[in-house]
Structure formats: C-alpha cells, structure tokens
C-alpha cells in the first residue's frame, strides 16, 4: 500500500511538472535560488532602492525605471497578417529510405542522416489572441537547418490551396478578415468569394469537413501543396509533393467538441503540443513523397502544378523518406517562435522550388512580410540563422552580428571575397491554364467521405451559410450542386427548413 501511494504521488508530481501552466514553478525548483543580480539592459547592476519606490524621487535618475518603461512600449512587433497565432517546437529529421537518386540535397543524402529542424503550426485567420479551434485550414511549416543553408517547407494541413492565380491572393485574405465597417467577421465575404472563384470550393470541402478542426497539432498532417522540382547529381529533374503523416494518427474534433473545449481553453492546440513534449511524449510524422519524372509531368492527364488540385495517390503512390520528431519546446516563445521567419524562397542545392505562379508570388510576399515584421536583418536573428553565411549585405537595423567583419563589401572583387558556386539547373517553364477542379471536389465528396462525414460536412456548411444573405445562399447551392447534386440538395433542404436562421458563423467564431 505504501509503495502504491509513493508511486501515485510520483505520477502526480510528474503530471504537475509537465503542465505548461506550472512552468515557472518548475523553473523555481531547478534553479535553487535567484540566478543572479538584476541589471539594466546595459549590464549595470540595479540597486534595491530603484526597484522599491519612485515616490518623492527624481524619476530621470532612476535608470531601472527608465530602462523598463521605455522598453515596454516597444515590445510588440507587427503580428503576421495570416497565421498570426501558432505553436512551435524543435527536433530533428532522420532519413529512413534512400532517395539520393532524385536529389542532391544534403538533408536527404543517406539513410540515417539527421538534420535539426523547427516546426510551426497555425490556423490561418485568428489574431494572436484568438481561438486555436476555429474551423479553418492550418499552416504546417518546417525548417531544415541544412549544411547548405535553411530549407523551409511552408505547407498546409490540406493537400490543396484555395486559388491558382496570385492576383486573387490579397482579396481572398481580405475576405477571411474582419469587415472594415463593423470590425466583425462576415460570412457574406467568404461565400461571395467562394462563389466568384469556385476553384476554392475544393479546399473548403476539407475545411467544412472533419479536418476543419484538428484535435491538436500532434495529430495534424502536412502537405507541400506545390509540386517541387528536384535535381540530382547528374542534373536530372524529378518532381515531388511532400506528405507529412502523424505517426499518432490523424484526429479531429467535431464542431460541438470544439465549442465545448474552447469555453475552457482557447489555447488547446498550443498547450497540448507543449505538454506532450515536456512530458517526453514526442510527436512524430512520417515524411513521404509523391515522385514524378519529367516524362510523367509532360504526359500527365492532370495539371500536376495546379495548387488547387491533388495528385492522385493511386497513380502517383507515396514513397517513404524519413521521420520528423519534435523533442524540444522553445525556451522563449517570442525569440524562438514569434521571430521565426519562414519563406518558400529558402531553398538549398538539389531543391529548386515550385514552378507555379503561386509559389513565385509567395517568394516575394513572405520576404516582404519578414522585412516589415523583423527588419532587414531578420536572417541574423538566432532562430533564423543558417549554420553559415557569407553575404555582401551590410548594416541596417540590429541584429547585425559581426556585420561580415573585414570582408570586402562588394561583388565582383579582386580581393578574395566570397564567390558563387556553379549551378546549371534551373526551373522548367510551364503554361498555366484557368483552374478547374470540380472533378476532384466531386470525387472527394462522393467517393472519399463516409456517410457520417458527409452529414457533418453539410451541418458545418449550413452553420456557416445560415447568416449569409439570401442571394449568396442561392449561388452557393448552385455551386455545391455542380460539385455534387446530393451535396447541393442537402444544403438547399437544410436552408429551407430554416434550422439555421439564428446561427452565427461558426467558421469565424
């Protein structure tokens, strides 16, 4: 009995220590007293009298007060316009299958090869203080800290994207944000865009379906969306889509489950990820590739570069590549997650990137966003630093680190500054046609969803459409009927039954 009580107590202590809400108590236990003398940001020790009271004293002579009060109003930086709220962790990627025949990228060079990584997961639309469990697509971003620089895979938890033409991106993101007059989320904006750009229905069948609310980030898959062009040592091209499948299984929450959890914990996904890693239950994903040769690309019946479409698994099967494991939480969230600056333009030799226009637009947009949020030297922030860099960039906002020391600051030069390496490979050129994906949207609804999944999909669509103006409801029913007569009919009958009259827009709430 005594041993049982001791064991139970030990389990409770471990559970207590693993809870992120007790992080500062864990810190207290492991530090055994104050860690040192407090200083100003200039490193000068702070006297006790300056921290006790400022009443009846000269404020301008209290360096502790000046140092803290002038800093606090500069602590916030612009949040991400999309993917503002998210959770992240560090770990490693290990190659389990040889794919060196399709790429010369060192992260895939040999079986057993490990590469440090950082991953960030995020809903698209909520602000930084928003709810983790909104019905939304999610970002799935992974950075590989390669010997040849950082490779960023900035993907989604859906296999497809919402639009094919970059011209629609800005307006699409506006429809996901607050109405400029009311400052409220407005489902009319969303459904107006969907009906005007029907190719987006494919991804929204996923969003309004069971996958719209993952049961935490540990059970969420990730996909590259783009078909990446690879090159091997011989200069041969291959084309790849990435699939990260969680080893713990793919799990989701129903709308009702999400509403119940959100009442108590709007940070459910972030808390779950942190707690699992802190408790030693390290989440992992198996990375597999869909691989196409150049001839297969040329002879494919589908546009393999259309980001609104998926590559059929039965035609292009998955090839296992490796394992991603997250085993370390950030020590400081702002420094290591908020300052993370992912970008599709972070590519390495052997991985040339996507050839489609959405990828090309993202290369510009992400870089511009990082300059706005973090400044010109964002790649010198510790979490963004590659293992090594030799650049002719100089000066600007901090951090500048050693500012490239005494190396010449112009290229070309005759004084032994860094020189480029020779690379003959380049992205292929493609012709892109207007998007069409109703065939795949129809197949998703009619052949891939179970009866229960279809029922919940219709319920979630009705929940969103219930607050939409009548003419957009009618247009939406027409569009859904083009996808599937059964789907359109179910939604139409649901709207006619008036059961959604008083519904708020669950997609945004």
Protein backbone atom coordinates (compact mmCIF):
# COMPACT_ATOMS: atom_id res chain seq x y z
CA UNK A 1 0.00 0.00 0.00
CA UNK A 2 2.84 2.36 0.92
CA UNK A 3 4.60 1.65 -2.40
CA UNK A 4 1.35 2.33 -4.26
CA UNK A 5 0.94 5.70 -2.51
CA UNK A 6 4.55 6.64 -3.32
CA UNK A 7 4.04 5.64 -6.96
CA UNK A 8 0.81 7.62 -7.20
CA UNK A 9 2.48 10.65 -5.64
CA UNK A 10 5.36 10.38 -8.15
CA UNK A 11 2.91 10.24 -11.05
CA UNK A 12 1.08 13.30 -9.77
CA UNK A 13 4.35 15.20 -9.38
CA UNK A 14 5.40 14.31 -12.91
CA UNK A 15 2.00 15.32 -14.27
CA UNK A 16 2.26 18.59 -12.36
CA UNK A 17 5.71 19.30 -13.74
CA UNK A 18 4.59 18.52 -17.30
CA UNK A 19 1.71 21.02 -17.22
CA UNK A 20 2.76 24.20 -19.06
CA UNK A 21 0.74 26.19 -16.52
CA UNK A 22 3.39 25.23 -13.94
CA UNK A 23 6.43 26.23 -15.98
CA UNK A 24 7.57 28.92 -13.55
CA UNK A 25 7.23 26.53 -10.62
CA UNK A 26 9.44 24.04 -12.47
CA UNK A 27 11.95 26.84 -13.02
CA UNK A 28 11.92 27.67 -9.30
CA UNK A 29 12.65 24.06 -8.39
CA UNK A 30 15.58 23.66 -10.75
CA UNK A 31 17.37 26.96 -10.05
CA UNK A 32 17.84 26.75 -6.25
CA UNK A 33 17.78 30.48 -5.55
CA UNK A 34 17.95 33.71 -7.61
CA UNK A 35 20.02 33.20 -10.74
CA UNK A 36 21.99 36.41 -10.23
CA UNK A 37 21.95 40.17 -9.71
CA UNK A 38 19.41 42.09 -11.80
CA UNK A 39 20.92 44.55 -14.28
CA UNK A 40 19.75 47.17 -16.72
CA UNK A 41 19.90 46.32 -20.42
CA UNK A 42 23.33 47.96 -20.32
CA UNK A 43 24.51 45.33 -17.85
CA UNK A 44 24.72 47.68 -14.85
CA UNK A 45 23.55 46.18 -11.50
CA UNK A 46 20.21 47.62 -10.33
CA UNK A 47 20.22 48.90 -6.71
CA UNK A 48 17.36 47.81 -4.47
CA UNK A 49 16.28 51.42 -3.84
CA UNK A 50 15.45 51.92 -7.53
CA UNK A 51 13.04 48.96 -7.53
CA UNK A 52 11.29 49.75 -4.24
CA UNK A 53 9.54 53.09 -4.83
CA UNK A 54 9.78 56.15 -7.02
CA UNK A 55 7.61 58.37 -4.84
CA UNK A 56 9.32 61.63 -3.82
CA UNK A 57 12.34 60.83 -6.00
CA UNK A 58 13.68 62.22 -9.29
CA UNK A 59 12.37 59.83 -11.96
CA UNK A 60 15.01 60.72 -14.56
CA UNK A 61 17.73 59.48 -12.21
CA UNK A 62 16.11 56.06 -11.79
CA UNK A 63 17.80 54.06 -14.54
CA UNK A 64 15.77 50.93 -13.74
CA UNK A 65 12.52 52.82 -14.29
CA UNK A 66 13.72 54.50 -17.48
CA UNK A 67 15.11 51.26 -18.87
CA UNK A 68 11.90 49.30 -18.28
CA UNK A 69 9.26 51.94 -19.07
CA UNK A 70 10.82 53.00 -22.37
CA UNK A 71 11.26 49.38 -23.44
CA UNK A 72 7.77 48.11 -22.69
CA UNK A 73 6.12 50.31 -25.32
CA UNK A 74 8.48 48.85 -27.91
CA UNK A 75 7.96 45.18 -27.02
CA UNK A 76 5.33 44.46 -29.67
CA UNK A 77 6.13 43.87 -33.30
CA UNK A 78 3.59 43.59 -36.14
CA UNK A 79 1.86 40.23 -36.00
CA UNK A 80 1.65 38.06 -39.07
CA UNK A 81 -1.21 39.12 -41.33
CA UNK A 82 -2.16 35.47 -41.71
CA UNK A 83 -1.07 32.62 -39.42
CA UNK A 84 -0.68 35.14 -36.59
CA UNK A 85 -1.30 32.61 -33.82
CA UNK A 86 0.62 29.37 -33.68
CA UNK A 87 2.68 26.88 -31.75
CA UNK A 88 6.17 25.64 -32.49
CA UNK A 89 8.85 23.21 -31.36
CA UNK A 90 12.31 21.94 -32.26
CA UNK A 91 13.52 18.48 -33.16
CA UNK A 92 15.18 16.53 -35.93
CA UNK A 93 14.53 14.84 -39.25
CA UNK A 94 16.03 11.41 -39.95
CA UNK A 95 16.27 9.79 -43.37
CA UNK A 96 14.88 6.25 -43.35
CA UNK A 97 14.82 5.50 -47.10
CA UNK A 98 17.35 6.27 -49.81
CA UNK A 99 16.14 8.92 -52.27
CA UNK A 100 19.55 10.27 -53.24
CA UNK A 101 18.78 9.28 -56.84
CA UNK A 102 16.23 12.13 -57.13
CA UNK A 103 18.01 14.98 -55.32
CA UNK A 104 21.47 16.12 -54.32
CA UNK A 105 20.05 17.95 -51.28
CA UNK A 106 22.26 17.00 -48.33
CA UNK A 107 19.32 16.61 -45.93
CA UNK A 108 18.34 13.50 -47.95
CA UNK A 109 21.88 12.30 -48.77
CA UNK A 110 21.93 8.96 -46.92
CA UNK A 111 19.87 6.65 -44.72
CA UNK A 112 20.38 7.57 -41.06
CA UNK A 113 21.25 11.19 -41.85
CA UNK A 114 19.76 13.57 -39.25
CA UNK A 115 19.09 17.29 -39.65
CA UNK A 116 17.97 19.75 -36.95
CA UNK A 117 14.53 21.22 -37.59
CA UNK A 118 11.98 23.66 -36.19
CA UNK A 119 8.27 23.41 -36.96
CA UNK A 120 5.40 25.85 -36.55
CA UNK A 121 1.68 25.05 -36.81
CA UNK A 122 -1.02 27.72 -37.09
CA UNK A 123 -4.61 28.43 -38.08
CA UNK A 124 -4.76 30.96 -40.88
CA UNK A 125 -7.20 33.62 -39.72
CA UNK A 126 -7.23 34.16 -35.92
CA UNK A 127 -5.32 37.06 -34.44
CA UNK A 128 -2.57 36.26 -31.91
CA UNK A 129 -5.05 36.09 -29.05
CA UNK A 130 -7.63 34.09 -30.98
CA UNK A 131 -9.04 30.61 -30.64
CA UNK A 132 -6.98 27.54 -31.63
CA UNK A 133 -10.14 25.62 -32.52
CA UNK A 134 -11.68 27.77 -35.23
CA UNK A 135 -12.87 25.98 -38.34
CA UNK A 136 -10.03 26.85 -40.66
CA UNK A 137 -7.18 25.46 -42.71
CA UNK A 138 -3.83 25.29 -40.87
CA UNK A 139 -0.26 26.15 -41.71
CA UNK A 140 2.31 23.35 -41.45
CA UNK A 141 5.80 24.87 -41.70
CA UNK A 142 9.11 23.02 -41.23
CA UNK A 143 12.62 24.44 -41.40
CA UNK A 144 15.56 22.09 -42.05
CA UNK A 145 18.86 23.57 -40.80
CA UNK A 146 20.98 22.10 -43.59
CA UNK A 147 24.74 22.40 -44.08
CA UNK A 148 23.91 24.24 -47.31
CA UNK A 149 21.55 26.72 -45.69
CA UNK A 150 17.98 26.65 -44.42
CA UNK A 151 15.30 24.83 -46.37
CA UNK A 152 11.75 25.92 -45.46
CA UNK A 153 8.76 23.78 -46.35
CA UNK A 154 5.84 26.17 -45.84
CA UNK A 155 2.77 23.99 -46.33
CA UNK A 156 -0.80 23.38 -45.21
CA UNK A 157 -2.75 20.66 -43.42
CA UNK A 158 -4.80 20.31 -46.61
CA UNK A 159 -3.49 18.74 -49.80
CA UNK A 160 -4.56 21.72 -51.87
CA UNK A 161 -4.67 25.53 -51.83
CA UNK A 162 -7.64 27.83 -52.43
CA UNK A 163 -6.58 29.73 -55.56
CA UNK A 164 -4.34 29.26 -58.57
CA UNK A 165 -3.86 32.86 -59.73
CA UNK A 166 -1.75 35.12 -57.46
CA UNK A 167 -3.90 38.11 -58.41
CA UNK A 168 -6.65 36.70 -56.16
CA UNK A 169 -4.48 36.23 -53.06
CA UNK A 170 -4.79 39.69 -51.48
CA UNK A 171 -8.55 39.85 -51.94
CA UNK A 172 -9.02 36.29 -50.70
CA UNK A 173 -7.18 37.04 -47.47
CA UNK A 174 -9.31 40.16 -47.00
CA UNK A 175 -12.46 38.03 -47.10
CA UNK A 176 -11.09 35.99 -44.21
CA UNK A 177 -10.52 39.08 -42.05
CA UNK A 178 -12.89 41.48 -40.30
CA UNK A 179 -15.44 43.60 -42.13
CA UNK A 180 -13.87 47.09 -42.40
CA UNK A 181 -17.09 48.79 -41.27
CA UNK A 182 -18.29 46.52 -38.47
CA UNK A 183 -14.91 45.06 -37.42
CA UNK A 184 -16.69 41.71 -37.27
CA UNK A 185 -16.09 38.52 -39.22
CA UNK A 186 -18.59 38.40 -42.07
CA UNK A 187 -19.57 35.13 -43.72
CA UNK A 188 -21.01 37.07 -46.67
CA UNK A 189 -17.48 38.00 -47.68
CA UNK A 190 -16.30 34.38 -47.58
CA UNK A 191 -19.21 32.90 -49.55
CA UNK A 192 -19.14 35.75 -52.05
CA UNK A 193 -15.54 34.92 -52.83
CA UNK A 194 -16.17 31.15 -53.00
CA UNK A 195 -19.00 31.62 -55.49
CA UNK A 196 -16.95 34.07 -57.59
CA UNK A 197 -13.84 31.86 -57.51
CA UNK A 198 -15.34 28.35 -57.46
CA UNK A 199 -11.95 26.62 -57.57
CA UNK A 200 -11.71 27.45 -53.85
CA UNK A 201 -14.59 25.04 -53.10
CA UNK A 202 -12.17 22.11 -53.21
CA UNK A 203 -10.24 23.24 -50.13
CA UNK A 204 -13.41 24.36 -48.35
CA UNK A 205 -14.87 20.88 -48.62
CA UNK A 206 -11.90 19.94 -46.42
CA UNK A 207 -12.30 22.94 -44.13
CA UNK A 208 -16.03 22.37 -43.56
CA UNK A 209 -15.45 18.66 -43.20
CA UNK A 210 -13.96 16.78 -40.27
CA UNK A 211 -10.44 18.02 -41.00
CA UNK A 212 -11.52 21.60 -40.38
CA UNK A 213 -10.71 21.34 -36.65
CA UNK A 214 -7.68 19.14 -35.83
CA UNK A 215 -7.51 17.56 -32.37
CA UNK A 216 -4.24 19.35 -31.62
CA UNK A 217 -1.21 19.83 -33.80
CA UNK A 218 0.27 16.42 -32.93
CA UNK A 219 -2.45 14.70 -34.94
CA UNK A 220 -2.44 17.02 -37.95
CA UNK A 221 -0.98 16.05 -41.36
CA UNK A 222 1.03 18.43 -43.50
CA UNK A 223 1.35 18.84 -47.26
CA UNK A 224 3.58 20.91 -49.53
CA UNK A 225 0.68 21.98 -51.82
CA UNK A 226 3.21 22.82 -54.51
CA UNK A 227 4.92 20.24 -56.70
CA UNK A 228 8.62 20.88 -56.08
CA UNK A 229 11.30 20.49 -58.72
CA UNK A 230 14.32 18.45 -57.54
CA UNK A 231 17.63 17.88 -59.27
CA UNK A 232 20.13 15.08 -58.64
CA UNK A 233 23.91 14.94 -59.01
CA UNK A 234 23.55 14.01 -62.70
CA UNK A 235 21.44 17.08 -63.43
CA UNK A 236 18.25 15.03 -63.87
CA UNK A 237 14.93 16.55 -62.79
CA UNK A 238 12.27 14.98 -60.59
CA UNK A 239 9.06 16.48 -59.25
CA UNK A 240 7.80 15.94 -55.73
CA UNK A 241 4.88 16.61 -53.40
CA UNK A 242 5.55 16.29 -49.66
CA UNK A 243 3.23 14.39 -47.28
CA UNK A 244 3.78 14.52 -43.50
CA UNK A 245 1.51 11.95 -41.82
CA UNK A 246 1.38 11.93 -37.98
CA UNK A 247 2.50 8.62 -36.51
CA UNK A 248 -0.07 9.03 -33.74
CA UNK A 249 -2.86 9.03 -36.31
CA UNK A 250 -4.95 11.80 -37.84
CA UNK A 251 -7.54 13.06 -35.34
CA UNK A 252 -10.17 15.77 -35.50
CA UNK A 253 -12.79 17.40 -33.32
CA UNK A 254 -16.48 17.86 -34.14
CA UNK A 255 -17.87 21.37 -34.08
CA UNK A 256 -19.63 20.68 -30.77
CA UNK A 257 -16.48 19.23 -29.17
CA UNK A 258 -14.50 22.27 -30.31
CA UNK A 259 -17.09 24.67 -28.89
CA UNK A 260 -17.05 22.90 -25.53
CA UNK A 261 -13.25 22.87 -25.29
CA UNK A 262 -12.99 26.50 -26.42
CA UNK A 263 -15.10 27.63 -23.49
CA UNK A 264 -12.34 26.47 -21.16
CA UNK A 265 -9.18 26.61 -23.26
CA UNK A 266 -8.76 28.74 -26.39
CA UNK A 267 -5.07 27.68 -26.47
CA UNK A 268 -5.87 23.97 -26.65
CA UNK A 269 -3.55 23.08 -29.54
CA UNK A 270 -0.56 25.07 -28.27
CA UNK A 271 -0.98 23.67 -24.76
CA UNK A 272 -1.33 20.08 -25.99
CA UNK A 273 1.86 20.29 -28.07
CA UNK A 274 3.89 21.87 -25.27
CA UNK A 275 2.64 19.46 -22.63
CA UNK A 276 3.30 16.36 -24.75
CA UNK A 277 6.89 17.35 -25.49
CA UNK A 278 7.58 18.43 -21.91
CA UNK A 279 6.28 15.05 -20.73
CA UNK A 280 8.53 13.11 -23.12
CA UNK A 281 5.69 12.07 -25.46
CA UNK A 282 7.46 13.33 -28.55
CA UNK A 283 5.18 13.73 -31.59
CA UNK A 284 6.48 12.40 -34.89
CA UNK A 285 5.47 12.38 -38.52
CA UNK A 286 6.44 10.10 -41.41
CA UNK A 287 7.50 12.06 -44.49
CA UNK A 288 6.66 10.52 -47.85
CA UNK A 289 6.99 11.82 -51.40
CA UNK A 290 4.88 11.54 -54.49
CA UNK A 291 7.57 11.41 -57.18
CA UNK A 292 7.21 12.16 -60.90
CA UNK A 293 9.77 12.06 -63.67
CA UNK A 294 9.96 14.81 -66.29
CA UNK A 295 8.31 12.47 -68.81
CA UNK A 296 5.46 11.78 -66.40
CA UNK A 297 4.95 15.51 -65.95
CA UNK A 298 4.81 16.04 -69.71
CA UNK A 299 2.38 13.17 -70.27
CA UNK A 300 0.16 13.63 -67.23
CA UNK A 301 -3.57 13.94 -67.82
CA UNK A 302 -3.85 16.38 -64.93
CA UNK A 303 -2.01 19.64 -64.27
CA UNK A 304 0.48 18.43 -61.67
CA UNK A 305 1.45 22.03 -60.81
CA UNK A 306 -2.09 23.28 -60.11
CA UNK A 307 -2.12 24.01 -56.36
CA UNK A 308 -5.92 23.71 -56.21
CA UNK A 309 -5.68 20.06 -57.29
CA UNK A 310 -4.23 16.96 -55.67
CA UNK A 311 -2.05 14.31 -57.27
CA UNK A 312 -3.96 11.01 -57.23
CA UNK A 313 -2.28 8.57 -54.83
CA UNK A 314 -3.31 5.59 -56.94
CA UNK A 315 -1.39 6.99 -59.90
CA UNK A 316 1.50 8.58 -58.02
CA UNK A 317 1.99 6.44 -54.89
CA UNK A 318 3.72 7.58 -51.71
CA UNK A 319 7.41 6.76 -51.25
CA UNK A 320 8.56 6.82 -47.60
CA UNK A 321 11.50 9.14 -46.99
CA UNK A 322 12.06 9.77 -43.29
CA UNK A 323 10.82 10.67 -39.85
CA UNK A 324 10.28 14.08 -38.27
CA UNK A 325 10.40 14.17 -34.46
CA UNK A 326 9.74 17.16 -32.19
CA UNK A 327 11.52 16.75 -28.84
CA UNK A 328 12.26 20.25 -27.54
CA UNK A 329 9.95 23.09 -26.60
CA UNK A 330 11.03 26.68 -27.16
CA UNK A 331 12.78 28.22 -24.16
CA UNK A 332 11.40 31.64 -25.04
CA UNK A 333 8.34 31.87 -27.26
CA UNK A 334 8.98 35.33 -28.69
CA UNK A 335 12.63 34.69 -29.51
CA UNK A 336 12.17 31.23 -31.00
CA UNK A 337 8.63 31.11 -32.45
CA UNK A 338 7.29 34.63 -32.92
CA UNK A 339 10.53 35.68 -34.65
CA UNK A 340 10.60 32.62 -36.90
CA UNK A 341 10.75 33.89 -40.47
CA UNK A 342 9.75 31.08 -42.82
CA UNK A 343 9.90 31.65 -46.54
CA UNK A 344 9.35 29.46 -49.62
CA UNK A 345 12.41 31.18 -51.10
CA UNK A 346 14.61 29.41 -48.54
CA UNK A 347 15.81 26.65 -50.87
CA UNK A 348 19.01 24.62 -51.00
CA UNK A 349 21.02 22.93 -53.77
CA UNK A 350 19.01 19.95 -55.01
CA UNK A 351 15.62 21.59 -54.31
CA UNK A 352 14.70 24.26 -56.86
CA UNK A 353 11.20 25.03 -55.57
CA UNK A 354 7.77 25.18 -57.18
CA UNK A 355 7.37 26.24 -60.80
CA UNK A 356 3.83 27.63 -60.45
CA UNK A 357 2.93 31.32 -60.12
CA UNK A 358 1.55 30.99 -56.57
CA UNK A 359 4.99 29.78 -55.45
CA UNK A 360 6.66 32.63 -57.30
CA UNK A 361 4.34 35.13 -55.61
CA UNK A 362 4.96 33.59 -52.17
CA UNK A 363 8.72 34.02 -52.61
CA UNK A 364 8.16 37.77 -52.80
CA UNK A 365 5.32 38.06 -50.28
CA UNK A 366 7.00 36.19 -47.44
CA UNK A 367 10.23 38.14 -47.80
CA UNK A 368 8.33 41.42 -47.74
CA UNK A 369 6.41 40.32 -44.64
CA UNK A 370 9.63 39.47 -42.76
CA UNK A 371 11.18 42.84 -43.61
CA UNK A 372 8.06 44.53 -42.25
CA UNK A 373 7.85 42.47 -39.07
CA UNK A 374 11.50 41.88 -38.19
CA UNK A 375 13.67 44.28 -40.18
CA UNK A 376 16.26 43.91 -42.92
CA UNK A 377 18.50 41.62 -40.86
CA UNK A 378 15.82 39.07 -39.92
CA UNK A 379 18.06 36.22 -41.09
CA UNK A 380 20.59 37.19 -38.41
CA UNK A 381 18.07 36.57 -35.63
CA UNK A 382 19.27 33.41 -33.93
CA UNK A 383 16.32 31.16 -34.80
CA UNK A 384 16.60 32.18 -38.47
CA UNK A 385 20.38 31.89 -38.78
CA UNK A 386 21.77 29.22 -41.09
CA UNK A 387 24.82 27.28 -39.91
CA UNK A 388 26.99 29.54 -42.02
CA UNK A 389 26.55 32.55 -44.29
CA UNK A 390 28.86 34.65 -46.42
CA UNK A 391 26.97 37.62 -47.81
CA UNK A 392 27.65 41.10 -49.10
CA UNK A 393 24.71 42.51 -47.13
CA UNK A 394 25.77 45.12 -44.61
CA UNK A 395 24.50 47.42 -41.85
CA UNK A 396 20.81 48.18 -41.22
CA UNK A 397 18.68 47.54 -38.14
CA UNK A 398 20.03 45.25 -35.43
CA UNK A 399 20.98 42.50 -35.16
CA UNK A 400 23.99 42.80 -37.44
CA UNK A 401 26.16 40.28 -35.53
CA UNK A 402 29.74 40.76 -36.80
CA UNK A 403 28.44 42.65 -39.88
CA UNK A 404 30.59 40.41 -42.11
CA UNK A 405 33.76 41.62 -40.36
CA UNK A 406 36.52 42.94 -42.69
CA UNK A 407 35.41 41.04 -45.79
CA UNK A 408 35.07 43.20 -48.96
CA UNK A 409 31.54 44.58 -49.21
CA UNK A 410 31.05 44.47 -52.97
CA UNK A 411 30.98 41.82 -55.71
CA UNK A 412 32.71 41.11 -58.01
CA UNK A 413 36.01 41.99 -56.41
CA UNK A 414 39.69 41.11 -56.81
CA UNK A 415 40.40 40.76 -53.08
CA UNK A 416 39.26 37.22 -52.23
CA UNK A 417 35.69 37.95 -51.16
CA UNK A 418 33.17 35.06 -51.33
CA UNK A 419 32.30 33.77 -54.80
CA UNK A 420 29.19 31.95 -56.14
CA UNK A 421 29.09 28.24 -56.86
CA UNK A 422 28.33 26.95 -60.33
CA UNK A 423 24.78 25.65 -60.80
CA UNK A 424 23.47 24.75 -64.26
CA UNK A 425 20.00 23.62 -63.13
CA UNK A 426 17.00 25.90 -63.41
CA UNK A 427 13.24 25.73 -63.02
CA UNK A 428 11.35 24.44 -66.02
CA UNK A 429 8.88 26.79 -67.71
CA UNK A 430 5.21 25.84 -67.79
CA UNK A 431 1.99 27.22 -69.25
CA UNK A 432 -0.80 27.53 -66.68
CA UNK A 433 -4.46 27.33 -67.67
CA UNK A 434 -7.53 28.60 -65.77
CA UNK A 435 -8.22 26.41 -62.73
CA UNK A 436 -10.73 23.58 -62.82
CA UNK A 437 -11.06 21.07 -60.00
CA UNK A 438 -14.75 20.14 -59.81
CA UNK A 439 -13.87 16.59 -60.83
CA UNK A 440 -11.65 16.23 -57.76
CA UNK A 441 -14.08 18.06 -55.48
CA UNK A 442 -16.83 15.69 -56.66
CA UNK A 443 -14.63 12.66 -56.09
CA UNK A 444 -13.76 13.89 -52.61
CA UNK A 445 -17.42 14.22 -51.64
CA UNK A 446 -18.89 11.20 -53.42
CA UNK A 447 -16.12 8.62 -53.06
CA UNK A 448 -13.83 9.58 -50.15
CA UNK A 449 -16.23 10.69 -47.42
CA UNK A 450 -18.23 8.28 -45.29
CA UNK A 451 -21.93 8.80 -44.63
CA UNK A 452 -21.14 10.34 -41.24
CA UNK A 453 -18.52 12.65 -42.72
CA UNK A 454 -20.98 13.84 -45.37
CA UNK A 455 -23.59 14.55 -42.72
CA UNK A 456 -21.18 16.61 -40.62
CA UNK A 457 -19.91 18.44 -43.71
CA UNK A 458 -23.45 19.53 -44.57
CA UNK A 459 -24.11 20.58 -40.97
CA UNK A 460 -20.97 22.72 -40.91
CA UNK A 461 -21.77 24.34 -44.27
CA UNK A 462 -25.28 25.15 -43.05
CA UNK A 463 -23.88 26.59 -39.86
CA UNK A 464 -21.79 28.99 -41.92
CA UNK A 465 -24.38 29.75 -44.62
CA UNK A 466 -27.12 30.40 -42.08
CA UNK A 467 -26.05 34.02 -41.55
CA UNK A 468 -25.40 34.74 -45.25
CA UNK A 469 -27.68 36.92 -47.36
CA UNK A 470 -30.24 35.01 -49.45
CA UNK A 471 -28.82 35.61 -52.94
CA UNK A 472 -25.44 34.24 -51.80
CA UNK A 473 -27.17 31.23 -50.28
CA UNK A 474 -28.78 30.56 -53.65
CA UNK A 475 -25.49 30.97 -55.53
CA UNK A 476 -23.78 28.69 -53.04
CA UNK A 477 -26.39 25.99 -53.51
CA UNK A 478 -25.88 26.21 -57.29
CA UNK A 479 -22.14 25.85 -56.86
CA UNK A 480 -22.46 22.94 -54.43
CA UNK A 481 -24.85 21.24 -56.85
CA UNK A 482 -22.22 21.47 -59.59
CA UNK A 483 -19.86 19.66 -57.24
CA UNK A 484 -22.50 17.05 -56.39
CA UNK A 485 -26.27 17.04 -56.80
CA UNK A 486 -26.57 15.25 -53.49
CA UNK A 487 -24.48 17.86 -51.66
CA UNK A 488 -26.37 20.78 -53.20
CA UNK A 489 -29.73 19.19 -52.44
CA UNK A 490 -28.86 18.53 -48.81
CA UNK A 491 -27.70 22.09 -48.24
CA UNK A 492 -30.73 23.52 -50.04
CA UNK A 493 -33.12 21.45 -47.93
CA UNK A 494 -31.27 22.47 -44.79
CA UNK A 495 -31.62 26.14 -45.63
CA UNK A 496 -35.31 25.75 -46.50
CA UNK A 497 -36.00 24.03 -43.19
CA UNK A 498 -35.00 27.30 -41.51
CA UNK A 499 -32.93 25.48 -38.89
CA UNK A 500 -30.01 27.82 -39.43
CA UNK A 501 -31.87 31.13 -39.16
CA UNK A 502 -30.28 32.13 -35.88
CA UNK A 503 -26.89 30.51 -36.41
CA UNK A 504 -23.76 32.56 -36.14
CA UNK A 505 -20.90 31.89 -38.50
CA UNK A 506 -19.05 29.01 -36.86
CA UNK A 507 -16.34 29.21 -39.47
CA UNK A 508 -15.28 32.53 -37.98
CA UNK A 509 -16.40 32.28 -34.37
